[in-house]
Amino acid sequence: MGLKAFHIAFVLVAGIFLLGFGIWAWQMFTNWGDGTMLAMSVFSFGLFAVLIAYGLWFYRKVKGWGYL
Protein backbone atom coordinates (compact mmCIF):
# COMPACT_ATOMS: atom_id res chain seq x y z
CA MET A 1 0.00 0.00 0.00
CA GLY A 2 1.45 3.29 -1.07
CA LEU A 3 1.58 6.45 1.00
CA LYS A 4 -1.27 8.04 -0.97
CA ALA A 5 -3.56 5.04 -0.46
CA PHE A 6 -2.67 4.92 3.22
CA HIS A 7 -3.46 8.62 3.55
CA ILE A 8 -6.88 8.18 1.94
CA ALA A 9 -7.62 5.13 4.11
CA PHE A 10 -6.51 7.00 7.24
CA VAL A 11 -8.78 9.94 6.43
CA LEU A 12 -11.72 7.58 5.89
CA VAL A 13 -11.13 5.72 9.16
CA ALA A 14 -10.74 9.00 11.05
CA GLY A 15 -14.02 10.20 9.50
CA ILE A 16 -15.81 7.04 10.61
CA PHE A 17 -14.52 7.50 14.15
CA LEU A 18 -15.59 11.16 14.19
CA LEU A 19 -19.05 10.24 12.97
CA GLY A 20 -19.37 7.50 15.59
CA PHE A 21 -18.22 9.81 18.36
CA GLY A 22 -20.62 12.51 17.21
CA ILE A 23 -23.54 10.08 17.27
CA TRP A 24 -22.53 8.83 20.72
CA ALA A 25 -22.20 12.37 22.08
CA TRP A 26 -25.61 13.28 20.61
CA GLN A 27 -27.20 10.27 22.32
CA MET A 28 -25.63 11.26 25.63
CA PHE A 29 -26.95 14.80 25.17
CA THR A 30 -30.48 13.57 24.48
CA ASN A 31 -30.33 11.27 27.54
CA TRP A 32 -28.86 13.69 30.07
CA GLY A 33 -29.20 17.15 28.53
CA ASP A 34 -25.55 18.02 29.19
CA GLY A 35 -24.44 21.03 27.17
CA THR A 36 -20.89 19.73 26.95
CA MET A 37 -22.10 16.67 25.06
CA LEU A 38 -24.01 18.90 22.65
CA ALA A 39 -20.87 20.95 22.02
CA MET A 40 -18.77 17.83 21.47
CA SER A 41 -21.37 16.39 19.10
CA VAL A 42 -21.62 19.55 17.00
CA PHE A 43 -17.82 19.91 16.94
CA SER A 44 -17.40 16.27 15.92
CA PHE A 45 -19.94 16.54 13.09
CA GLY A 46 -18.24 19.73 11.91
CA LEU A 47 -14.83 18.07 11.88
CA PHE A 48 -16.34 15.09 10.07
CA ALA A 49 -17.59 17.39 7.30
CA VAL A 50 -14.23 19.15 7.03
CA LEU A 51 -12.33 15.85 6.99
CA ILE A 52 -14.52 14.35 4.27
CA ALA A 53 -14.18 17.53 2.18
CA TYR A 54 -10.40 17.33 2.63
CA GLY A 55 -10.41 13.65 1.66
CA LEU A 56 -12.32 14.36 -1.54
CA TRP A 57 -10.02 17.26 -2.37
CA PHE A 58 -6.94 15.10 -1.78
CA TYR A 59 -8.34 12.24 -3.86
CA ARG A 60 -9.06 14.56 -6.79
CA LYS A 61 -5.57 16.03 -6.47
CA VAL A 62 -3.75 12.67 -6.61
CA LYS A 63 -6.17 10.87 -8.95
CA GLY A 64 -3.99 11.31 -12.03
CA TRP A 65 -0.76 10.44 -10.28
CA GLY A 66 0.87 7.03 -10.58
CA TYR A 67 0.31 4.18 -8.16
CA LEU A 68 -2.54 4.81 -5.76
PDB file of N, CA and C in Angstrom:
ATOM      1  N   MET A   1       0.864  -1.174   0.000  1.00  0.00           N
ATOM      2  CA  MET A   1       0.000   0.000   0.000  1.00  0.00           C
ATOM      3  C   MET A   1       0.902   1.225   0.000  1.00  0.00           C
ATOM      4  N   GLY A   2       0.660   2.089  -0.957  1.00  0.00           N
ATOM      5  CA  GLY A   2       1.453   3.294  -1.070  1.00  0.00           C
ATOM      6  C   GLY A   2       1.038   4.351  -0.045  1.00  0.00           C
ATOM      7  N   LEU A   3       1.841   5.380   0.038  1.00  0.00           N
ATOM      8  CA  LEU A   3       1.578   6.448   1.000  1.00  0.00           C
ATOM      9  C   LEU A   3       0.273   7.179   0.683  1.00  0.00           C
ATOM     10  N   LYS A   4      -0.024   7.366  -0.597  1.00  0.00           N
ATOM     11  CA  LYS A   4      -1.275   8.044  -0.972  1.00  0.00           C
ATOM     12  C   LYS A   4      -2.490   7.220  -0.560  1.00  0.00           C
ATOM     13  N   ALA A   5      -2.432   5.915  -0.830  1.00  0.00           N
ATOM     14  CA  ALA A   5      -3.558   5.045  -0.463  1.00  0.00           C
ATOM     15  C   ALA A   5      -3.717   4.973   1.050  1.00  0.00           C
ATOM     16  N   PHE A   6      -2.596   4.926   1.760  1.00  0.00           N
ATOM     17  CA  PHE A   6      -2.669   4.920   3.220  1.00  0.00           C
ATOM     18  C   PHE A   6      -3.287   6.216   3.730  1.00  0.00           C
ATOM     19  N   HIS A   7      -2.923   7.326   3.134  1.00  0.00           N
ATOM     20  CA  HIS A   7      -3.462   8.620   3.548  1.00  0.00           C
ATOM     21  C   HIS A   7      -4.977   8.664   3.357  1.00  0.00           C
ATOM     22  N   ILE A   8      -5.443   8.192   2.211  1.00  0.00           N
ATOM     23  CA  ILE A   8      -6.878   8.177   1.942  1.00  0.00           C
ATOM     24  C   ILE A   8      -7.596   7.246   2.918  1.00  0.00           C
ATOM     25  N   ALA A   9      -7.026   6.074   3.163  1.00  0.00           N
ATOM     26  CA  ALA A   9      -7.624   5.132   4.112  1.00  0.00           C
ATOM     27  C   ALA A   9      -7.646   5.716   5.518  1.00  0.00           C
ATOM     28  N   PHE A  10      -6.577   6.391   5.914  1.00  0.00           N
ATOM     29  CA  PHE A  10      -6.511   6.998   7.243  1.00  0.00           C
ATOM     30  C   PHE A  10      -7.567   8.080   7.400  1.00  0.00           C
ATOM     31  N   VAL A  11      -7.763   8.888   6.377  1.00  0.00           N
ATOM     32  CA  VAL A  11      -8.784   9.940   6.425  1.00  0.00           C
ATOM     33  C   VAL A  11     -10.174   9.322   6.538  1.00  0.00           C
ATOM     34  N   LEU A  12     -10.417   8.244   5.802  1.00  0.00           N
ATOM     35  CA  LEU A  12     -11.723   7.582   5.889  1.00  0.00           C
ATOM     36  C   LEU A  12     -11.972   6.979   7.270  1.00  0.00           C
ATOM     37  N   VAL A  13     -10.977   6.319   7.827  1.00  0.00           N
ATOM     38  CA  VAL A  13     -11.133   5.724   9.160  1.00  0.00           C
ATOM     39  C   VAL A  13     -11.335   6.813  10.209  1.00  0.00           C
ATOM     40  N   ALA A  14     -10.571   7.892  10.110  1.00  0.00           N
ATOM     41  CA  ALA A  14     -10.741   8.997  11.046  1.00  0.00           C
ATOM     42  C   ALA A  14     -12.142   9.598  10.925  1.00  0.00           C
ATOM     43  N   GLY A  15     -12.665   9.693   9.708  1.00  0.00           N
ATOM     44  CA  GLY A  15     -14.021  10.197   9.497  1.00  0.00           C
ATOM     45  C   GLY A  15     -15.064   9.294  10.126  1.00  0.00           C
ATOM     46  N   ILE A  16     -14.870   7.986  10.001  1.00  0.00           N
ATOM     47  CA  ILE A  16     -15.809   7.044  10.614  1.00  0.00           C
ATOM     48  C   ILE A  16     -15.793   7.182  12.131  1.00  0.00           C
ATOM     49  N   PHE A  17     -14.608   7.316  12.704  1.00  0.00           N
ATOM     50  CA  PHE A  17     -14.515   7.495  14.150  1.00  0.00           C
ATOM     51  C   PHE A  17     -15.162   8.812  14.603  1.00  0.00           C
ATOM     52  N   LEU A  18     -14.957   9.881  13.840  1.00  0.00           N
ATOM     53  CA  LEU A  18     -15.588  11.160  14.186  1.00  0.00           C
ATOM     54  C   LEU A  18     -17.107  11.068  14.116  1.00  0.00           C
ATOM     55  N   LEU A  19     -17.606  10.406  13.095  1.00  0.00           N
ATOM     56  CA  LEU A  19     -19.046  10.239  12.965  1.00  0.00           C
ATOM     57  C   LEU A  19     -19.604   9.412  14.123  1.00  0.00           C
ATOM     58  N   GLY A  20     -18.934   8.331  14.461  1.00  0.00           N
ATOM     59  CA  GLY A  20     -19.372   7.500  15.586  1.00  0.00           C
ATOM     60  C   GLY A  20     -19.346   8.253  16.893  1.00  0.00           C
ATOM     61  N   PHE A  21     -18.289   9.025  17.126  1.00  0.00           N
ATOM     62  CA  PHE A  21     -18.216   9.810  18.356  1.00  0.00           C
ATOM     63  C   PHE A  21     -19.298  10.869  18.401  1.00  0.00           C
ATOM     64  N   GLY A  22     -19.570  11.497  17.259  1.00  0.00           N
ATOM     65  CA  GLY A  22     -20.623  12.513  17.208  1.00  0.00           C
ATOM     66  C   GLY A  22     -21.990  11.929  17.507  1.00  0.00           C
ATOM     67  N   ILE A  23     -22.262  10.737  16.992  1.00  0.00           N
ATOM     68  CA  ILE A  23     -23.543  10.082  17.273  1.00  0.00           C
ATOM     69  C   ILE A  23     -23.637   9.716  18.745  1.00  0.00           C
ATOM     70  N   TRP A  24     -22.541   9.177  19.293  1.00  0.00           N
ATOM     71  CA  TRP A  24     -22.529   8.826  20.718  1.00  0.00           C
ATOM     72  C   TRP A  24     -22.755  10.057  21.593  1.00  0.00           C
ATOM     73  N   ALA A  25     -22.054  11.153  21.293  1.00  0.00           N
ATOM     74  CA  ALA A  25     -22.200  12.373  22.084  1.00  0.00           C
ATOM     75  C   ALA A  25     -23.621  12.926  21.964  1.00  0.00           C
ATOM     76  N   TRP A  26     -24.227  12.820  20.778  1.00  0.00           N
ATOM     77  CA  TRP A  26     -25.610  13.279  20.608  1.00  0.00           C
ATOM     78  C   TRP A  26     -26.567  12.451  21.459  1.00  0.00           C
ATOM     79  N   GLN A  27     -26.356  11.134  21.499  1.00  0.00           N
ATOM     80  CA  GLN A  27     -27.200  10.273  22.319  1.00  0.00           C
ATOM     81  C   GLN A  27     -27.053  10.610  23.801  1.00  0.00           C
ATOM     82  N   MET A  28     -25.840  10.881  24.230  1.00  0.00           N
ATOM     83  CA  MET A  28     -25.628  11.262  25.634  1.00  0.00           C
ATOM     84  C   MET A  28     -26.300  12.607  25.937  1.00  0.00           C
ATOM     85  N   PHE A  29     -26.278  13.513  24.973  1.00  0.00           N
ATOM     86  CA  PHE A  29     -26.949  14.797  25.165  1.00  0.00           C
ATOM     87  C   PHE A  29     -28.459  14.612  25.291  1.00  0.00           C
ATOM     88  N   THR A  30     -29.032  13.758  24.418  1.00  0.00           N
ATOM     89  CA  THR A  30     -30.483  13.565  24.484  1.00  0.00           C
ATOM     90  C   THR A  30     -30.893  12.825  25.755  1.00  0.00           C
ATOM     91  N   ASN A  31     -30.012  11.985  26.299  1.00  0.00           N
ATOM     92  CA  ASN A  31     -30.335  11.272  27.536  1.00  0.00           C
ATOM     93  C   ASN A  31     -30.218  12.157  28.764  1.00  0.00           C
ATOM     94  N   TRP A  32     -29.143  12.934  28.845  1.00  0.00           N
ATOM     95  CA  TRP A  32     -28.862  13.693  30.065  1.00  0.00           C
ATOM     96  C   TRP A  32     -29.029  15.197  29.933  1.00  0.00           C
ATOM     97  N   GLY A  33     -29.039  15.714  28.722  1.00  0.00           N
ATOM     98  CA  GLY A  33     -29.204  17.146  28.528  1.00  0.00           C
ATOM     99  C   GLY A  33     -27.967  17.959  28.873  1.00  0.00           C
ATOM    100  N   ASP A  34     -26.801  17.326  28.852  1.00  0.00           N
ATOM    101  CA  ASP A  34     -25.553  18.017  29.193  1.00  0.00           C
ATOM    102  C   ASP A  34     -25.088  18.853  28.000  1.00  0.00           C
ATOM    103  N   GLY A  35     -24.857  20.128  28.231  1.00  0.00           N
ATOM    104  CA  GLY A  35     -24.440  21.031  27.168  1.00  0.00           C
ATOM    105  C   GLY A  35     -23.077  20.704  26.605  1.00  0.00           C
ATOM    106  N   THR A  36     -22.215  20.117  27.422  1.00  0.00           N
ATOM    107  CA  THR A  36     -20.892  19.733  26.947  1.00  0.00           C
ATOM    108  C   THR A  36     -21.001  18.657  25.872  1.00  0.00           C
ATOM    109  N   MET A  37     -21.906  17.719  26.064  1.00  0.00           N
ATOM    110  CA  MET A  37     -22.102  16.666  25.061  1.00  0.00           C
ATOM    111  C   MET A  37     -22.642  17.249  23.758  1.00  0.00           C
ATOM    112  N   LEU A  38     -23.501  18.244  23.863  1.00  0.00           N
ATOM    113  CA  LEU A  38     -24.008  18.902  22.653  1.00  0.00           C
ATOM    114  C   LEU A  38     -22.864  19.579  21.915  1.00  0.00           C
ATOM    115  N   ALA A  39     -22.003  20.275  22.640  1.00  0.00           N
ATOM    116  CA  ALA A  39     -20.870  20.955  22.018  1.00  0.00           C
ATOM    117  C   ALA A  39     -19.922  19.949  21.363  1.00  0.00           C
ATOM    118  N   MET A  40     -19.657  18.840  22.042  1.00  0.00           N
ATOM    119  CA  MET A  40     -18.770  17.826  21.471  1.00  0.00           C
ATOM    120  C   MET A  40     -19.387  17.189  20.236  1.00  0.00           C
ATOM    121  N   SER A  41     -20.695  16.983  20.249  1.00  0.00           N
ATOM    122  CA  SER A  41     -21.372  16.393  19.103  1.00  0.00           C
ATOM    123  C   SER A  41     -21.315  17.324  17.900  1.00  0.00           C
ATOM    124  N   VAL A  42     -21.639  18.575  18.094  1.00  0.00           N
ATOM    125  CA  VAL A  42     -21.617  19.549  16.996  1.00  0.00           C
ATOM    126  C   VAL A  42     -20.199  19.705  16.457  1.00  0.00           C
ATOM    127  N   PHE A  43     -19.223  19.776  17.343  1.00  0.00           N
ATOM    128  CA  PHE A  43     -17.821  19.912  16.936  1.00  0.00           C
ATOM    129  C   PHE A  43     -17.367  18.677  16.149  1.00  0.00           C
ATOM    130  N   SER A  44     -17.771  17.508  16.603  1.00  0.00           N
ATOM    131  CA  SER A  44     -17.397  16.273  15.923  1.00  0.00           C
ATOM    132  C   SER A  44     -18.016  16.198  14.528  1.00  0.00           C
ATOM    133  N   PHE A  45     -19.292  16.548  14.409  1.00  0.00           N
ATOM    134  CA  PHE A  45     -19.937  16.543  13.095  1.00  0.00           C
ATOM    135  C   PHE A  45     -19.306  17.579  12.167  1.00  0.00           C
ATOM    136  N   GLY A  46     -18.920  18.713  12.709  1.00  0.00           N
ATOM    137  CA  GLY A  46     -18.239  19.728  11.906  1.00  0.00           C
ATOM    138  C   GLY A  46     -16.886  19.243  11.411  1.00  0.00           C
ATOM    139  N   LEU A  47     -16.113  18.617  12.294  1.00  0.00           N
ATOM    140  CA  LEU A  47     -14.828  18.069  11.884  1.00  0.00           C
ATOM    141  C   LEU A  47     -14.997  16.940  10.875  1.00  0.00           C
ATOM    142  N   PHE A  48     -16.052  16.151  11.035  1.00  0.00           N
ATOM    143  CA  PHE A  48     -16.339  15.090  10.068  1.00  0.00           C
ATOM    144  C   PHE A  48     -16.545  15.685   8.690  1.00  0.00           C
ATOM    145  N   ALA A  49     -17.328  16.752   8.596  1.00  0.00           N
ATOM    146  CA  ALA A  49     -17.592  17.389   7.301  1.00  0.00           C
ATOM    147  C   ALA A  49     -16.301  17.950   6.697  1.00  0.00           C
ATOM    148  N   VAL A  50     -15.490  18.588   7.513  1.00  0.00           N
ATOM    149  CA  VAL A  50     -14.232  19.149   7.030  1.00  0.00           C
ATOM    150  C   VAL A  50     -13.294  18.032   6.573  1.00  0.00           C
ATOM    151  N   LEU A  51     -13.223  16.958   7.331  1.00  0.00           N
ATOM    152  CA  LEU A  51     -12.330  15.853   6.990  1.00  0.00           C
ATOM    153  C   LEU A  51     -12.757  15.157   5.706  1.00  0.00           C
ATOM    154  N   ILE A  52     -14.042  14.968   5.501  1.00  0.00           N
ATOM    155  CA  ILE A  52     -14.518  14.350   4.273  1.00  0.00           C
ATOM    156  C   ILE A  52     -14.261  15.278   3.078  1.00  0.00           C
ATOM    157  N   ALA A  53     -14.479  16.576   3.262  1.00  0.00           N
ATOM    158  CA  ALA A  53     -14.184  17.528   2.181  1.00  0.00           C
ATOM    159  C   ALA A  53     -12.689  17.498   1.845  1.00  0.00           C
ATOM    160  N   TYR A  54     -11.847  17.428   2.856  1.00  0.00           N
ATOM    161  CA  TYR A  54     -10.402  17.334   2.626  1.00  0.00           C
ATOM    162  C   TYR A  54     -10.058  16.032   1.903  1.00  0.00           C
ATOM    163  N   GLY A  55     -10.668  14.924   2.304  1.00  0.00           N
ATOM    164  CA  GLY A  55     -10.410  13.646   1.660  1.00  0.00           C
ATOM    165  C   GLY A  55     -10.780  13.665   0.190  1.00  0.00           C
ATOM    166  N   LEU A  56     -11.914  14.247  -0.133  1.00  0.00           N
ATOM    167  CA  LEU A  56     -12.322  14.360  -1.539  1.00  0.00           C
ATOM    168  C   LEU A  56     -11.374  15.255  -2.329  1.00  0.00           C
ATOM    169  N   TRP A  57     -10.966  16.363  -1.711  1.00  0.00           N
ATOM    170  CA  TRP A  57     -10.019  17.262  -2.366  1.00  0.00           C
ATOM    171  C   TRP A  57      -8.702  16.539  -2.627  1.00  0.00           C
ATOM    172  N   PHE A  58      -8.206  15.819  -1.633  1.00  0.00           N
ATOM    173  CA  PHE A  58      -6.940  15.103  -1.777  1.00  0.00           C
ATOM    174  C   PHE A  58      -7.045  14.026  -2.845  1.00  0.00           C
ATOM    175  N   TYR A  59      -8.155  13.292  -2.860  1.00  0.00           N
ATOM    176  CA  TYR A  59      -8.336  12.238  -3.862  1.00  0.00           C
ATOM    177  C   TYR A  59      -8.341  12.815  -5.271  1.00  0.00           C
ATOM    178  N   ARG A  60      -9.024  13.932  -5.457  1.00  0.00           N
ATOM    179  CA  ARG A  60      -9.055  14.561  -6.788  1.00  0.00           C
ATOM    180  C   ARG A  60      -7.666  15.053  -7.189  1.00  0.00           C
ATOM    181  N   LYS A  61      -6.897  15.514  -6.196  1.00  0.00           N
ATOM    182  CA  LYS A  61      -5.571  16.029  -6.471  1.00  0.00           C
ATOM    183  C   LYS A  61      -4.632  14.915  -6.920  1.00  0.00           C
ATOM    184  N   VAL A  62      -4.689  13.745  -6.304  1.00  0.00           N
ATOM    185  CA  VAL A  62      -3.747  12.669  -6.611  1.00  0.00           C
ATOM    186  C   VAL A  62      -4.317  11.639  -7.580  1.00  0.00           C
ATOM    187  N   LYS A  63      -5.510  11.851  -8.077  1.00  0.00           N
ATOM    188  CA  LYS A  63      -6.173  10.874  -8.946  1.00  0.00           C
ATOM    189  C   LYS A  63      -5.352  10.551 -10.186  1.00  0.00           C
ATOM    190  N   GLY A  64      -4.744  11.524 -10.808  1.00  0.00           N
ATOM    191  CA  GLY A  64      -3.993  11.305 -12.030  1.00  0.00           C
ATOM    192  C   GLY A  64      -2.565  10.861 -11.801  1.00  0.00           C
ATOM    193  N   TRP A  65      -2.119  10.840 -10.572  1.00  0.00           N
ATOM    194  CA  TRP A  65      -0.757  10.436 -10.280  1.00  0.00           C
ATOM    195  C   TRP A  65      -0.613   8.929 -10.437  1.00  0.00           C
ATOM    196  N   GLY A  66       0.567   8.443 -10.363  1.00  0.00           N
ATOM    197  CA  GLY A  66       0.873   7.029 -10.584  1.00  0.00           C
ATOM    198  C   GLY A  66       0.145   6.088  -9.649  1.00  0.00           C
ATOM    199  N   TYR A  67       0.873   5.225  -9.021  1.00  0.00           N
ATOM    200  CA  TYR A  67       0.312   4.181  -8.162  1.00  0.00           C
ATOM    201  C   TYR A  67      -0.472   4.783  -7.008  1.00  0.00           C
ATOM    202  N   LEU A  68      -1.711   4.348  -6.866  1.00  0.00           N
ATOM    203  CA  LEU A  68      -2.543   4.814  -5.760  1.00  0.00           C
ATOM    204  C   LEU A  68      -2.896   3.613  -4.948  1.00  0.00           C
TER     205      LEU A  68
END
